[in-house]
Protein backbone atom coordinates (compact mmCIF):
# COMPACT_ATOMS: atom_id res chain seq x y z
CA MET A 1 7.57 -221.84 -124.81
CA SER A 2 7.64 -223.04 -128.40
CA GLY A 3 9.65 -222.02 -131.37
CA GLY A 4 7.18 -222.73 -134.04
CA ARG A 5 4.59 -220.59 -132.44
CA ALA A 6 2.76 -218.26 -134.95
CA LEU A 7 3.43 -214.54 -134.17
CA GLY A 8 0.92 -212.91 -136.42
CA ARG A 9 0.77 -211.49 -139.88
CA ARG A 10 2.41 -208.20 -139.05
CA PHE A 11 5.43 -209.92 -137.60
CA GLU A 12 5.71 -212.28 -140.65
CA TRP A 13 5.95 -209.16 -142.89
CA LEU A 14 8.44 -207.69 -140.50
CA TRP A 15 10.47 -211.02 -140.62
CA ALA A 16 10.45 -211.18 -144.55
CA ALA A 17 11.45 -207.45 -144.70
CA TYR A 18 14.54 -208.44 -142.37
CA ALA A 19 15.36 -211.61 -144.32
CA VAL A 20 15.58 -210.01 -147.61
CA SER A 21 17.77 -207.25 -146.35
CA ALA A 22 19.89 -209.90 -144.43
CA TYR A 23 20.42 -211.71 -147.66
CA GLY A 24 21.32 -208.62 -149.57
CA THR A 25 23.64 -207.56 -147.04
CA ALA A 26 25.30 -211.12 -147.08
CA LEU A 27 25.66 -211.22 -150.80
CA GLY A 28 27.37 -207.56 -150.63
CA PHE A 29 29.78 -208.55 -147.91
CA GLY A 30 33.15 -207.51 -148.60
CA ALA A 31 32.24 -205.45 -151.68
CA PHE A 32 33.60 -202.06 -150.84
CA PRO A 33 37.14 -203.25 -150.10
CA LEU A 34 36.92 -205.46 -153.19
CA ILE A 35 35.73 -202.41 -155.31
CA ALA A 36 38.56 -200.32 -153.57
CA VAL A 37 41.24 -202.78 -154.60
CA ILE A 38 40.02 -203.86 -158.14
CA VAL A 39 38.46 -200.71 -159.53
CA LEU A 40 40.17 -198.04 -157.84
CA ASP A 41 43.74 -199.70 -157.26
CA SER A 42 43.61 -198.53 -153.52
CA GLY A 43 46.38 -199.62 -151.07
CA PRO A 44 46.22 -201.30 -147.77
CA ALA A 45 46.01 -197.87 -145.94
CA GLU A 46 43.00 -196.63 -148.02
CA VAL A 47 41.30 -199.78 -147.53
CA ALA A 48 41.79 -199.79 -143.82
CA ALA A 49 40.75 -196.10 -143.74
CA LEU A 50 37.59 -197.08 -145.61
CA ALA A 51 36.52 -199.74 -143.10
CA ALA A 52 37.45 -197.67 -139.86
CA ALA A 53 36.14 -194.23 -141.09
CA GLY A 54 33.05 -195.71 -142.26
CA ARG A 55 32.36 -197.12 -138.76
CA VAL A 56 33.51 -194.40 -136.77
CA VAL A 57 32.15 -191.32 -138.68
CA GLY A 58 29.09 -193.08 -139.38
CA ALA A 59 28.66 -193.63 -135.58
CA VAL A 60 29.19 -189.89 -134.88
CA VAL A 61 26.80 -188.88 -137.45
CA ALA A 62 24.18 -191.28 -135.86
CA VAL A 63 24.51 -189.63 -132.45
CA PRO A 64 21.70 -187.10 -132.82
CA LEU A 65 19.65 -189.74 -134.66
CA GLY A 66 18.75 -191.52 -131.46
CA PRO A 67 16.61 -188.74 -129.90
CA TRP A 68 15.43 -187.96 -133.29
CA VAL A 69 14.15 -191.49 -133.73
CA GLU A 70 12.73 -191.81 -130.05
CA PHE A 71 10.08 -189.33 -130.80
CA ARG A 72 8.89 -190.43 -134.20
CA ARG A 73 6.73 -193.35 -135.44
CA LYS A 74 9.25 -196.30 -135.82
CA ARG A 75 8.07 -197.87 -138.95
CA PRO A 76 8.25 -194.80 -141.27
CA VAL A 77 11.79 -194.17 -139.63
CA MET A 78 12.52 -197.81 -140.85
CA VAL A 79 11.23 -197.13 -144.39
CA ALA A 80 13.26 -194.05 -144.76
CA MET A 81 16.42 -195.61 -143.58
CA ASP A 82 15.92 -198.43 -146.04
CA LEU A 83 15.32 -196.03 -148.91
CA THR A 84 18.54 -193.83 -147.79
CA ARG A 85 20.58 -197.04 -148.01
CA PHE A 86 19.04 -198.01 -151.45
CA ALA A 87 19.85 -194.48 -152.89
CA ALA A 88 23.30 -194.49 -151.36
CA LEU A 89 24.49 -197.79 -152.64
CA MET A 90 22.93 -197.32 -156.14
CA SER A 91 25.03 -194.28 -156.56
CA ILE A 92 28.02 -196.62 -156.76
CA PRO A 93 27.14 -198.75 -159.81
CA VAL A 94 25.78 -195.44 -161.38
CA ALA A 95 28.96 -193.82 -161.11
CA PHE A 96 30.89 -196.99 -162.07
CA ALA A 97 28.88 -197.03 -165.25
CA PHE A 98 29.86 -193.42 -166.25
CA GLY A 99 33.37 -193.98 -165.35
CA ARG A 100 33.19 -191.46 -162.48
CA LEU A 101 33.38 -193.63 -159.31
CA GLY A 102 36.26 -192.55 -156.97
CA PHE A 103 37.50 -193.30 -153.35
CA ALA A 104 35.86 -190.08 -151.87
CA GLN A 105 32.33 -191.62 -152.85
CA LEU A 106 32.94 -195.02 -151.55
CA LEU A 107 33.87 -193.34 -148.26
CA VAL A 108 30.74 -191.10 -148.22
CA VAL A 109 28.48 -193.99 -149.07
CA ALA A 110 30.12 -196.12 -146.10
CA ILE A 111 29.44 -193.20 -143.76
CA VAL A 112 25.92 -192.89 -144.80
CA VAL A 113 25.18 -196.52 -144.59
CA ALA A 114 26.67 -196.88 -141.39
CA ALA A 115 24.73 -194.09 -139.79
CA ALA A 116 21.37 -195.37 -141.61
CA ASP A 117 22.15 -198.94 -140.09
CA ILE A 118 22.43 -197.45 -136.49
CA ALA A 119 19.05 -195.55 -137.00
CA PHE A 120 17.29 -198.38 -138.59
CA ARG A 121 18.41 -200.93 -135.56
CA ALA A 122 17.33 -198.23 -132.95
CA ALA A 123 13.91 -198.07 -134.61
CA SER A 124 13.45 -201.67 -135.48
CA GLY A 125 14.21 -202.61 -131.82
CA ALA A 126 11.37 -200.20 -130.35
CA PHE A 127 8.98 -201.48 -133.15
CA LEU A 128 9.59 -205.18 -132.37
CA ARG A 129 8.69 -204.44 -128.64
CA SER A 130 5.60 -202.90 -129.60
CA LEU A 131 4.72 -205.61 -132.06
CA VAL A 132 5.27 -208.59 -129.97
CA PRO A 133 4.07 -209.42 -126.69
CA PRO A 134 6.88 -209.58 -124.10
CA GLU A 135 6.65 -213.60 -123.87
CA ASP A 136 7.38 -214.01 -127.56
CA LEU A 137 10.37 -211.59 -127.66
CA LEU A 138 12.85 -214.60 -127.23
CA ILE A 139 11.10 -216.69 -130.24
CA ALA A 140 10.98 -213.52 -132.44
CA ASN A 141 14.78 -212.51 -131.78
CA GLY A 142 15.64 -216.14 -132.46
CA ARG A 143 13.85 -216.12 -135.83
CA PHE A 144 15.88 -213.09 -136.72
CA GLU A 145 19.08 -214.73 -135.43
CA SER A 146 18.41 -217.90 -137.62
CA THR A 147 17.78 -215.80 -140.55
CA THR A 148 21.12 -213.87 -140.20
CA TRP A 149 23.19 -217.01 -139.93
CA THR A 150 21.41 -218.62 -142.82
CA ALA A 151 22.29 -215.64 -145.16
CA THR A 152 25.72 -215.39 -143.79
CA ALA A 153 26.21 -219.08 -144.90
CA VAL A 154 24.92 -218.74 -148.41
CA GLY A 155 25.51 -215.04 -149.09
CA PRO A 156 29.02 -214.55 -149.23
CA PRO A 157 30.05 -217.46 -151.40
CA LEU A 158 27.13 -216.61 -153.89
CA GLY A 159 28.27 -213.04 -153.92
CA GLY A 160 31.81 -214.07 -154.76
CA ALA A 161 30.50 -216.07 -157.72
CA ALA A 162 28.17 -213.39 -158.85
CA ILE A 163 31.30 -210.79 -158.77
CA GLY A 164 33.16 -213.30 -160.82
CA LEU A 165 30.51 -213.68 -163.38
CA LEU A 166 28.86 -210.34 -163.75
CA GLY A 167 31.52 -207.79 -162.51
CA PRO A 168 32.62 -205.84 -159.22
CA VAL A 169 29.65 -203.81 -158.39
CA THR A 170 27.02 -206.56 -159.01
CA THR A 171 26.62 -207.47 -155.25
CA VAL A 172 26.29 -203.81 -154.45
CA VAL A 173 23.41 -203.59 -156.85
CA ALA A 174 21.73 -206.70 -155.15
CA ASN A 175 22.29 -205.17 -151.76
CA ALA A 176 20.65 -201.85 -152.81
CA VAL A 177 17.67 -203.59 -154.12
CA SER A 178 17.28 -205.79 -150.95
CA TYR A 179 16.67 -202.42 -148.95
CA LEU A 180 14.13 -201.42 -151.70
CA LEU A 181 12.50 -204.68 -151.12
CA SER A 182 12.60 -204.43 -147.25
CA ALA A 183 11.06 -200.98 -147.57
CA LEU A 184 8.21 -202.59 -149.42
CA GLY A 185 7.91 -205.36 -146.76
CA LEU A 186 7.63 -202.88 -143.88
CA ARG A 187 4.99 -200.81 -145.80
CA ALA A 188 3.10 -204.15 -146.01
CA VAL A 189 3.35 -204.69 -142.05
CA GLY A 190 0.29 -202.24 -141.79
CA GLY A 191 -1.35 -201.30 -138.57
CA THR A 192 -1.48 -198.10 -136.85
CA GLU A 193 1.24 -196.72 -134.75
CA PRO A 194 0.74 -193.94 -132.46
CA ARG A 195 3.22 -190.97 -132.47
CA PRO A 196 5.48 -191.10 -129.24
CA VAL A 197 4.53 -188.13 -126.80
CA ARG A 198 7.47 -186.12 -125.78
CA THR A 199 6.99 -185.17 -122.06
CA GLY A 200 10.28 -183.00 -121.76
CA PRO A 201 11.09 -179.79 -123.82
CA PRO A 202 10.15 -179.67 -127.29
CA ARG A 203 13.61 -178.95 -128.70
CA MET A 204 16.52 -181.65 -128.42
CA ARG A 205 18.83 -180.93 -125.58
CA ALA A 206 22.33 -182.11 -124.88
CA GLY A 207 21.09 -184.52 -122.51
CA ASP A 208 19.17 -186.31 -124.97
CA LEU A 209 22.22 -187.26 -126.89
CA VAL A 210 23.72 -188.97 -123.84
CA GLU A 211 20.56 -190.53 -122.29
CA GLY A 212 20.87 -193.88 -123.83
CA TRP A 213 24.53 -194.35 -122.38
CA ARG A 214 23.16 -193.00 -119.13
CA HIS A 215 20.51 -195.41 -119.14
CA ILE A 216 22.74 -198.36 -119.88
CA LEU A 217 25.31 -197.54 -117.24
CA ALA A 218 22.78 -197.17 -114.67
CA ASP A 219 21.17 -200.57 -115.09
CA PRO A 220 22.62 -203.51 -113.21
CA THR A 221 22.20 -205.77 -116.07
CA LEU A 222 22.42 -203.64 -119.14
CA ARG A 223 25.94 -202.34 -117.86
CA PRO A 224 27.70 -205.65 -117.92
CA LEU A 225 26.08 -206.99 -120.85
CA PHE A 226 27.03 -203.86 -122.68
CA LEU A 227 30.52 -203.95 -121.78
CA ASN A 228 30.55 -207.95 -122.55
CA THR A 229 29.28 -207.02 -126.08
CA ILE A 230 31.45 -204.31 -127.14
CA VAL A 231 34.67 -206.12 -125.95
CA PHE A 232 33.82 -209.44 -127.17
CA ASN A 233 32.54 -208.10 -130.63
CA GLY A 234 35.57 -205.77 -130.85
CA LEU A 235 38.22 -208.41 -130.22
CA ILE A 236 36.49 -210.92 -132.47
CA MET A 237 36.33 -208.40 -135.29
CA ALA A 238 39.82 -207.05 -134.78
CA SER A 239 41.47 -210.30 -135.55
CA GLU A 240 39.48 -210.93 -138.88
CA PRO A 241 41.74 -208.60 -141.17
CA LEU A 242 44.83 -210.41 -139.62
CA LEU A 243 43.42 -213.93 -140.46
CA ALA A 244 42.57 -212.74 -143.88
CA VAL A 245 46.25 -211.62 -144.26
CA LEU A 246 47.46 -214.82 -142.84
CA LEU A 247 45.42 -217.10 -144.86
CA LEU A 248 45.29 -215.41 -148.19
CA GLY A 249 48.70 -214.14 -148.22
CA ARG A 250 51.23 -216.18 -146.08
CA PHE A 251 49.35 -219.31 -146.50
CA GLY A 252 48.21 -218.94 -149.99
CA PHE A 253 44.62 -220.07 -149.36
CA ALA A 254 42.40 -219.41 -152.62
CA PRO A 255 39.50 -217.08 -152.29
CA TRP A 256 36.88 -219.73 -152.42
CA GLN A 257 38.61 -221.57 -149.55
CA TYR A 258 38.79 -218.50 -147.57
CA GLY A 259 35.12 -217.98 -147.89
CA LEU A 260 34.20 -221.82 -147.40
CA VAL A 261 36.00 -221.83 -143.93
CA PHE A 262 33.95 -218.97 -142.48
CA ALA A 263 30.68 -219.41 -144.41
CA ALA A 264 30.13 -223.18 -143.81
CA PRO A 265 30.12 -222.83 -139.90
CA CYS A 266 27.35 -220.39 -140.02
CA VAL A 267 25.03 -223.54 -140.11
CA GLY A 268 25.96 -223.71 -136.45
CA GLY A 269 24.56 -220.25 -135.70
CA LEU A 270 21.22 -221.46 -137.33
CA VAL A 271 21.18 -224.69 -135.24
CA GLY A 272 22.10 -222.76 -132.00
CA ALA A 273 19.16 -219.90 -132.54
CA ARG A 274 16.69 -222.81 -133.33
CA MET A 275 17.58 -224.49 -130.04
CA THR A 276 17.59 -221.34 -127.95
CA PRO A 277 13.79 -221.46 -126.93
CA HIS A 278 13.76 -224.84 -125.91
CA LEU A 279 17.11 -224.40 -123.91
CA VAL A 280 15.53 -221.42 -122.20
CA ALA A 281 12.48 -223.38 -121.36
CA ARG A 282 14.49 -226.28 -119.81
CA PHE A 283 17.30 -224.32 -118.02
CA GLY A 284 16.16 -220.77 -117.63
CA ARG A 285 17.17 -217.66 -119.47
CA HIS A 286 19.90 -216.47 -117.32
CA LYS A 287 21.71 -219.83 -117.08
CA VAL A 288 21.52 -220.11 -120.82
CA LEU A 289 22.89 -216.50 -121.27
CA ARG A 290 25.87 -217.25 -118.86
CA THR A 291 26.59 -220.67 -120.35
CA ALA A 292 26.55 -219.76 -123.78
CA GLY A 293 28.55 -216.46 -122.99
CA VAL A 294 31.30 -218.48 -121.40
CA LEU A 295 31.32 -221.20 -124.25
CA ARG A 296 31.69 -218.75 -126.92
CA ALA A 297 34.63 -217.19 -125.33
CA CYS A 298 36.43 -220.60 -125.52
CA TRP A 299 36.81 -220.92 -129.37
CA PRO A 300 38.78 -217.94 -130.97
CA LEU A 301 42.12 -218.74 -129.39
CA GLY A 302 42.32 -221.87 -131.50
CA LEU A 303 42.66 -219.54 -134.60
CA ALA A 304 46.22 -218.73 -133.61
CA PHE A 305 47.14 -222.41 -134.23
CA VAL A 306 45.89 -222.51 -137.93
CA VAL A 307 48.35 -224.07 -140.53
CA PRO A 308 48.45 -224.21 -144.14
CA GLY A 309 46.53 -226.58 -146.27
CA VAL A 310 43.52 -229.05 -145.55
CA PRO A 311 44.47 -229.23 -141.81
CA GLY A 312 44.33 -225.75 -141.46
CA MET A 313 40.87 -225.54 -143.20
CA VAL A 314 39.53 -228.06 -140.79
CA LEU A 315 40.72 -226.32 -137.78
CA ILE A 316 39.15 -223.12 -138.77
CA ILE A 317 35.88 -224.87 -139.52
CA VAL A 318 35.78 -226.47 -136.20
CA VAL A 319 36.76 -223.47 -134.29
CA GLN A 320 34.23 -221.23 -136.01
CA LEU A 321 31.53 -223.90 -135.74
CA GLY A 322 31.76 -223.96 -132.16
CA LEU A 323 32.00 -220.26 -131.78
CA VAL A 324 29.12 -219.58 -134.19
CA THR A 325 26.76 -222.16 -132.55
CA CYS A 326 27.24 -220.59 -128.96
CA CYS A 327 26.65 -217.17 -130.59
CA GLY A 328 23.55 -218.56 -132.18
CA VAL A 329 22.31 -219.48 -128.63
CA PHE A 330 23.74 -216.15 -126.79
CA ASN A 331 22.47 -213.51 -129.29
CA PRO A 332 18.69 -213.90 -129.08
CA VAL A 333 18.73 -214.12 -125.41
CA SER A 334 20.91 -211.06 -125.05
CA ALA A 335 18.75 -209.14 -127.39
CA THR A 336 15.66 -210.12 -125.44
CA TYR A 337 17.45 -209.12 -122.23
CA ARG A 338 18.28 -205.69 -123.76
CA LEU A 339 14.70 -204.87 -125.08
CA GLU A 340 13.23 -206.15 -121.64
CA HIS A 341 15.56 -203.83 -119.34
CA ILE A 342 15.20 -200.62 -121.48
CA ALA A 343 12.52 -198.19 -120.64
CA PRO A 344 9.89 -197.77 -123.27
CA ASP A 345 10.71 -194.07 -123.67
CA ARG A 346 14.22 -194.42 -124.05
CA ILE A 347 14.69 -197.59 -126.46
CA ALA A 348 15.72 -195.95 -129.40
CA ARG A 349 18.18 -193.72 -127.86
CA THR A 350 19.71 -196.63 -125.78
CA LEU A 351 20.01 -198.93 -128.84
CA THR A 352 21.50 -196.16 -130.75
CA ALA A 353 24.09 -195.56 -128.04
CA TRP A 354 24.68 -199.20 -128.04
CA SER A 355 25.35 -199.47 -131.58
CA ILE A 356 27.69 -196.44 -131.76
CA SER A 357 29.64 -197.85 -128.93
CA THR A 358 29.96 -201.23 -130.61
CA SER A 359 30.99 -199.74 -134.04
CA THR A 360 33.53 -197.38 -132.24
CA ALA A 361 34.87 -200.20 -130.42
CA ILE A 362 35.29 -202.33 -133.49
CA ALA A 363 37.03 -199.50 -135.31
CA ALA A 364 39.46 -198.64 -132.49
CA LEU A 365 40.34 -202.38 -131.71
CA THR A 366 40.70 -203.21 -135.41
CA ALA A 367 43.23 -200.34 -135.79
CA ALA A 368 45.04 -201.17 -132.52
CA TRP A 369 45.43 -204.94 -133.65
CA GLY A 370 46.75 -203.95 -137.07
CA LEU A 371 49.60 -201.99 -135.27
CA LEU A 372 50.05 -204.99 -132.88
CA ALA A 373 50.56 -207.30 -135.64
CA VAL A 374 53.15 -205.09 -137.12
CA VAL A 375 55.11 -205.13 -133.88
CA THR A 376 54.64 -208.58 -132.64
CA GLY A 377 53.50 -210.69 -135.79
CA LEU A 378 50.13 -212.07 -137.02
CA ARG A 379 49.97 -215.09 -134.97
CA THR A 380 50.92 -213.37 -131.66
CA ALA A 381 48.22 -210.57 -132.20
CA ILE A 382 45.58 -213.27 -133.00
CA ALA A 383 46.49 -215.23 -130.00
CA ALA A 384 46.40 -211.94 -127.87
CA ALA A 385 42.85 -211.21 -128.91
CA GLY A 386 41.88 -214.91 -128.16
CA VAL A 387 43.42 -214.72 -124.75
CA LEU A 388 41.55 -211.56 -123.87
CA VAL A 389 38.30 -213.00 -125.21
CA LEU A 390 38.65 -215.68 -122.61
CA ALA A 391 38.18 -212.84 -120.05
CA THR A 392 34.81 -211.46 -121.52
CA PRO A 393 32.62 -213.79 -119.50
CA LEU A 394 33.77 -211.93 -116.27
CA LEU A 395 31.78 -209.09 -117.69
CA LEU A 396 28.37 -211.00 -117.98
CA PRO A 397 25.48 -210.16 -115.65
CA ARG A 398 25.77 -212.31 -112.46
CA HIS A 399 22.16 -212.11 -111.75
CA ASP A 400 18.87 -211.47 -113.74
CA HIS A 401 17.40 -208.35 -112.44
CA SER A 402 14.34 -208.24 -114.82
CA PRO A 403 10.79 -207.70 -113.35
CA GLN A 404 9.57 -211.24 -114.40
CA HIS A 405 12.39 -212.90 -112.74
CA GLU A 406 12.12 -210.93 -109.46
CA SER A 407 8.46 -211.52 -109.23
CA THR A 408 8.82 -215.21 -109.92
CA ASP A 409 11.33 -215.34 -106.97
CA ARG A 410 9.26 -213.58 -104.70
CA ALA A 411 6.40 -215.91 -105.16
CA ALA A 412 8.47 -219.10 -105.41
CA PRO A 413 11.61 -218.34 -103.44
CA GLU A 414 12.41 -222.13 -103.08
CA ARG A 415 13.17 -221.96 -106.82
CA ARG A 416 15.89 -219.33 -106.86
CA THR A 417 19.12 -220.66 -108.35
CA PRO A 418 22.31 -218.98 -107.45
CA ALA A 419 24.04 -217.29 -110.18
């Protein structure tokens, strides 16, 4: 398995479209809360509501999108979702220019973008599986992961500088334009895509809406991987607002220091993603998944011991570097497992269910940890999240039930490695 293998012109265009939107998203990181505070003079409750409602309501809106996406050509759906996000985001600078921007508009845009994100991810997973041979899925997912971490490392600091120089809606414009460019890149992918044939009733049924969750919970590999993902991601994201309050408020970190300690370690994600194909080739996919899943759970607890000043910055960078490097290895393997274990006629519905559950869990745990911090204090709440993260490896799949793995085991039983 070679991470440098060429995957063809169509994949290169898909990767380019992904890259431009990833960089746009990274540039626009934190733009909505910043606009709410600086432009609209919103308080903490409104900012929290903006973050939570955008995720939750967007997820609810996305529920019927899974079956809708399933029975349509995926590339046109991806283009449509890119254009939807472009139009929604561009409404913000237009309203700002005319002095008509309000909190309600920010909330509506957050919901539209969240729902379009979920539909796009569902369609893109199915499209990638049809575009790339099964043996190259890990390489493709590794390249997407590398791009994500590179964009995350450089985007937020550049976005902060752009806002300081050009105004509060600058990065929203950049993010919107990135979706337009992504849509153009997807158009350039070319090729033909057959329309999926629906074998059941022509009208959408209630069962179609829950088929994704049913498929996840029935699969012995998807079920634990799903539970591990939503719990781990939810706990990690729940502690982020608490860290922001602790570092920017109580410890007096400057905004550039706050951005630096979380952006610099993203280099580890790039390194981890680039290492993944070589690690899988040497140690096997399942062993890499479990090892990276265990190691990534060991780091977050360290954030509870952060202190003011340079020592605190160093501690955060070390902890985040370890966490992000392990995630850079884990995520491509997890994404490949997921695509391989979903039946071809259920990919969009299953990925939609996965995204909806993740978004809802993050919103719920973020709200719960905000209340916990009020009752117990910031450090205690951050430590509680870190302790619970230590238990997430128990939810990882204990065996590899993929067809390739099982057929290899039957052909060469002496090579079986106990999980």
